[in-house]
Protein backbone atom coordinates (compact mmCIF):
# COMPACT_ATOMS: atom_id res chain seq x y z
CA MET A 1 3.63 0.94 -26.58
CA GLU A 2 4.48 4.59 -26.17
CA GLU A 3 1.35 4.99 -24.05
CA ASN A 4 2.50 2.16 -21.78
CA ALA A 5 5.90 3.82 -21.31
CA ASN A 6 4.22 7.16 -20.59
CA ILE A 7 1.88 5.59 -18.02
CA GLN A 8 4.79 3.75 -16.39
CA GLU A 9 6.82 6.98 -16.22
CA GLN A 10 3.91 8.77 -14.54
CA ILE A 11 3.55 5.93 -12.03
CA ASN A 12 7.28 6.22 -11.29
CA GLN A 13 6.86 9.96 -10.75
CA ILE A 14 4.00 9.31 -8.32
CA GLN A 15 6.21 6.91 -6.37
CA ILE A 16 9.02 9.48 -6.22
CA ILE A 17 6.58 12.12 -5.01
CA GLN A 18 5.28 9.75 -2.32
CA GLN A 19 8.85 9.14 -1.12
CA ASN A 20 9.45 12.90 -1.03
CA LEU A 21 6.23 13.36 0.95
CA GLN A 22 7.35 10.75 3.48
CA ASN A 23 10.74 12.44 3.85
CA SER A 24 9.06 15.83 4.27
CA ALA A 25 6.71 14.43 6.90
CA VAL A 26 9.62 13.05 8.92
CA GLN A 27 11.48 16.34 8.69
CA ARG A 28 8.35 18.31 9.65
CA GLN A 29 7.80 16.05 12.67
CA GLN A 30 11.40 16.60 13.78
CA PHE A 31 10.95 20.36 13.54
CA GLN A 32 7.64 20.16 15.41
CA LEU A 33 9.33 18.17 18.16
CA GLN A 34 12.07 20.80 18.45
CA LEU A 35 9.42 23.50 18.51
CA SER A 36 7.62 21.71 21.33
CA GLU A 37 10.87 21.49 23.30
CA ILE A 38 11.48 25.21 22.81
CA ASP A 39 7.93 26.01 23.92
CA SER A 40 8.49 23.96 27.09
CA ALA A 41 11.83 25.66 27.70
CA LEU A 42 10.24 29.11 27.36
CA VAL A 43 7.59 28.17 29.94
CA GLU A 44 10.28 26.93 32.34
CA ILE A 45 12.38 30.07 31.88
CA ASP A 46 9.46 32.16 33.11
CA LYS A 47 9.27 30.03 36.27
CA ASN A 48 12.97 30.13 37.18
CA PRO A 49 15.15 33.16 37.91
CA LYS A 50 18.37 31.29 37.00
CA THR A 51 18.84 29.80 33.57
CA TYR A 52 21.48 27.58 32.05
CA LYS A 53 22.40 26.54 28.57
CA ILE A 54 24.13 23.33 27.60
CA ILE A 55 27.08 23.94 25.30
CA GLY A 56 28.77 20.73 24.25
CA ASN A 57 29.29 18.73 27.46
CA ILE A 58 29.01 21.62 29.92
CA MET A 59 26.17 23.66 31.38
CA VAL A 60 26.75 27.41 31.46
CA ALA A 61 24.77 30.04 33.39
CA MET A 62 23.06 32.43 31.02
CA ASN A 63 21.12 35.67 31.25
CA VAL A 64 17.36 34.96 31.22
CA ASP A 65 16.58 37.60 28.61
CA ASP A 66 19.39 36.49 26.31
CA LEU A 67 18.34 32.85 26.49
CA LYS A 68 14.70 33.77 25.98
CA LYS A 69 15.60 35.85 22.91
CA GLU A 70 17.70 33.01 21.50
CA LEU A 71 14.89 30.50 21.99
CA GLN A 72 12.32 32.83 20.45
CA GLU A 73 14.54 33.26 17.39
CA LYS A 74 14.85 29.48 17.06
CA GLN A 75 11.09 29.24 17.51
CA GLN A 76 10.50 31.67 14.64
CA MET A 77 12.99 29.85 12.41
CA LEU A 78 11.31 26.49 13.09
CA ASN A 79 7.86 27.94 12.40
CA ILE A 80 9.12 29.23 9.04
CA ARG A 81 10.69 25.86 8.20
CA ILE A 82 7.51 23.99 9.15
CA SER A 83 5.42 26.37 7.07
CA THR A 84 7.76 25.93 4.10
CA ILE A 85 7.63 22.15 4.38
CA GLU A 86 3.82 22.22 4.59
CA LYS A 87 3.64 24.33 1.41
CA GLN A 88 6.06 21.94 -0.30
CA GLU A 89 3.96 18.96 0.79
CA SER A 90 0.84 20.63 -0.58
CA ARG A 91 2.51 21.21 -3.97
CA LEU A 92 3.73 17.61 -4.03
CA ARG A 93 0.24 16.28 -3.27
CA GLU A 94 -1.23 18.40 -6.07
CA LYS A 95 1.40 17.12 -8.50
CA ALA A 96 0.73 13.52 -7.44
CA GLU A 97 -3.01 14.04 -8.04
CA GLU A 98 -2.28 15.41 -11.53
CA TYR A 99 -0.17 12.35 -12.37
CA GLN A 100 -2.85 10.01 -10.97
CA LYS A 101 -5.50 11.63 -13.16
CA GLU A 102 -3.24 11.32 -16.21
CA VAL A 103 -2.54 7.66 -15.43
CA LEU A 104 -6.27 6.93 -15.06
CA LYS A 105 -7.03 8.70 -18.34
CA GLY A 106 -4.30 6.67 -20.04
CA ILE A 107 -5.64 3.41 -18.65
CA GLU A 108 -9.22 4.30 -19.63
CA LYS A 109 -8.08 5.24 -23.13
CA LYS A 110 -6.21 1.95 -23.43
CA GLN A 111 -9.29 -0.01 -22.31
CA GLU A 112 -11.51 1.84 -24.79
CA THR A 113 -9.08 1.04 -27.57
CA LYS A 114 -9.14 -2.65 -26.60
CA LYS A 115 -12.96 -2.66 -26.55
CA LYS A 116 -13.15 -1.02 -29.99
CA LYS A 117 -10.58 -3.46 -31.35
CA SER A 118 -12.48 -6.41 -29.88
CA ALA A 119 -15.80 -5.12 -31.23
CA ALA A 120 -14.28 -4.65 -34.69
CA GLU A 121 -12.88 -8.18 -34.63
CA ASN A 122 -16.27 -9.60 -33.60
CA GLU A 123 -17.97 -7.77 -36.49
CA HIS A 124 -15.63 -9.35 -39.00
CA LYS A 125 -16.37 -12.87 -37.77
């Protein structure tokens, strides 16, 4: 029975990891979308001599170099966040694989025990 509880706990852990992976993927996609928007904005800044920034509900004229610097800083921050999430996802996948292997070993062990028990019962008959 303890083996069953252990296997069930590992399956629960795999499910939690899968949920975390889904959440990470959504967050990574959001960051990648923001990064794409920043990349587009940087391209547009190079084409236009006048730049504006939206602050709240108003659009304010802004120095091209200042805006470019601000966007590049955001770009760096997003790249770091995406990289961190990707590393976290990789660790989560590895952990899920470990749990899956343990679950399979537990199931195989349980099946072997059943076979041995069945064989022993058949011998006594």
